[in-house]
Amino acid sequence: MSRYTSLCKAITLFEDIRTAFRDDQEDAEKYSEVIRDLQDVAKDVRYGGEWHGDQDVIAGCLDFCAENECALCTYHNIKIGCSRTLKKDAAAAIRALGQKKGAG
């Protein structure tokens, strides 16, 4: 079984668990977070962890976020989950830089 298939099966399992806990909103949200994280890992596995973006933009937006200068940040237009999306992109950028360093 491939790593991608294993991750897909784990996601399905957690979706079933989330369904079982649907009456407890707090637990259901925790399982939803795990599912989103597993989906991100599955993307990395499937696409080789490649990330195509601008590290300078990500770094600038992290600075804006740290200083609560939301209006200046390009992620602010996302409205809901902008800091979460920024953190995910930053993590992807760091992994991509790590792969370049390891290959170089």
Protein backbone atom coordinates (compact mmCIF):
# COMPACT_ATOMS: atom_id res chain seq x y z
CA MET A 1 0.00 0.00 0.00
CA SER A 2 1.36 3.44 -0.87
CA ARG A 3 1.85 6.19 1.71
CA TYR A 4 -0.79 8.25 -0.08
CA THR A 5 -3.34 5.42 0.09
CA SER A 6 -2.55 4.93 3.78
CA LEU A 7 -3.18 8.61 4.44
CA CYS A 8 -6.47 8.47 2.53
CA LYS A 9 -7.58 5.54 4.67
CA ALA A 10 -6.58 7.41 7.84
CA ILE A 11 -8.59 10.45 6.69
CA THR A 12 -11.62 8.23 6.08
CA LEU A 13 -11.22 6.71 9.54
CA PHE A 14 -11.09 10.12 11.19
CA GLU A 15 -14.13 11.25 9.19
CA ASP A 16 -16.01 8.25 10.62
CA ILE A 17 -14.85 9.13 14.13
CA ARG A 18 -15.92 12.75 13.63
CA THR A 19 -19.35 11.53 12.57
CA ALA A 20 -19.59 9.47 15.75
CA PHE A 21 -18.80 12.58 17.81
CA ARG A 22 -21.05 14.95 15.86
CA ASP A 23 -23.13 15.73 18.97
CA ASP A 24 -20.05 17.04 20.81
CA GLN A 25 -19.08 20.13 18.81
CA GLU A 26 -15.72 20.55 20.54
CA ASP A 27 -14.59 16.98 19.80
CA ALA A 28 -15.95 17.16 16.26
CA GLU A 29 -13.89 20.30 15.61
CA LYS A 30 -10.75 18.62 16.99
CA TYR A 31 -11.23 15.74 14.57
CA SER A 32 -11.87 18.21 11.75
CA GLU A 33 -8.49 19.82 12.49
CA VAL A 34 -6.77 16.42 12.38
CA ILE A 35 -8.50 15.67 9.06
CA ARG A 36 -7.33 18.99 7.58
CA ASP A 37 -3.76 18.32 8.75
CA LEU A 38 -3.81 14.81 7.26
CA GLN A 39 -5.14 16.24 3.99
CA ASP A 40 -2.22 18.67 3.91
CA VAL A 41 0.24 15.84 4.51
CA ALA A 42 -1.47 13.81 1.77
CA LYS A 43 -0.94 16.71 -0.65
CA ASP A 44 2.75 16.79 0.25
CA VAL A 45 3.05 13.03 -0.26
CA ARG A 46 1.13 13.03 -3.52
CA TYR A 47 2.87 16.03 -5.08
CA GLY A 48 6.33 15.45 -3.67
CA GLY A 49 6.19 18.32 -1.20
CA GLU A 50 6.75 20.85 -3.94
CA TRP A 51 5.64 24.36 -3.21
CA HIS A 52 5.57 27.15 -5.73
CA GLY A 53 5.20 30.51 -4.11
CA ASP A 54 6.99 33.63 -3.06
CA GLN A 55 8.82 33.31 0.26
CA ASP A 56 9.23 37.09 0.48
CA VAL A 57 5.45 37.60 0.36
CA ILE A 58 4.95 34.96 3.05
CA ALA A 59 7.62 36.55 5.26
CA GLY A 60 6.10 40.01 4.83
CA CYS A 61 2.64 38.74 5.69
CA LEU A 62 3.98 37.01 8.80
CA ASP A 63 5.45 40.37 9.85
CA PHE A 64 2.09 42.07 9.27
CA CYS A 65 0.33 39.34 11.26
CA ALA A 66 2.75 39.67 14.17
CA GLU A 67 2.14 43.43 14.30
CA ASN A 68 -1.66 43.15 13.85
CA GLU A 69 -1.46 45.15 10.62
CA CYS A 70 -4.20 43.08 9.02
CA ALA A 71 -5.23 45.66 6.43
CA LEU A 72 -1.76 45.49 4.85
CA CYS A 73 -1.68 41.70 4.57
CA THR A 74 -2.67 39.99 1.33
CA TYR A 75 -4.15 37.11 3.34
CA HIS A 76 -6.61 39.49 5.01
CA ASN A 77 -8.90 39.18 1.98
CA ILE A 78 -9.53 35.53 2.89
CA LYS A 79 -11.54 36.80 5.89
CA ILE A 80 -12.02 33.54 7.78
CA GLY A 81 -8.91 31.56 8.60
CA CYS A 82 -6.43 34.01 7.12
CA SER A 83 -3.79 33.39 9.80
CA ARG A 84 -4.29 29.62 9.55
CA THR A 85 -3.83 29.76 5.76
CA LEU A 86 -0.76 31.96 6.17
CA LYS A 87 0.73 29.51 8.68
CA LYS A 88 0.14 26.59 6.29
CA ASP A 89 1.77 28.47 3.42
CA ALA A 90 4.69 29.41 5.67
CA ALA A 91 5.14 25.78 6.69
CA ALA A 92 5.07 24.72 3.02
CA ALA A 93 7.66 27.39 2.18
CA ILE A 94 9.93 26.21 5.00
CA ARG A 95 9.65 22.58 3.85
CA ALA A 96 10.45 23.63 0.27
CA LEU A 97 13.49 25.58 1.42
CA GLY A 98 14.61 22.58 3.48
CA GLN A 99 14.37 20.32 0.43
CA LYS A 100 16.40 22.78 -1.65
CA LYS A 101 19.05 22.94 1.08
CA GLY A 102 19.18 19.14 1.32
CA ALA A 103 19.50 18.80 -2.46
CA GLY A 104 22.11 21.53 -2.79
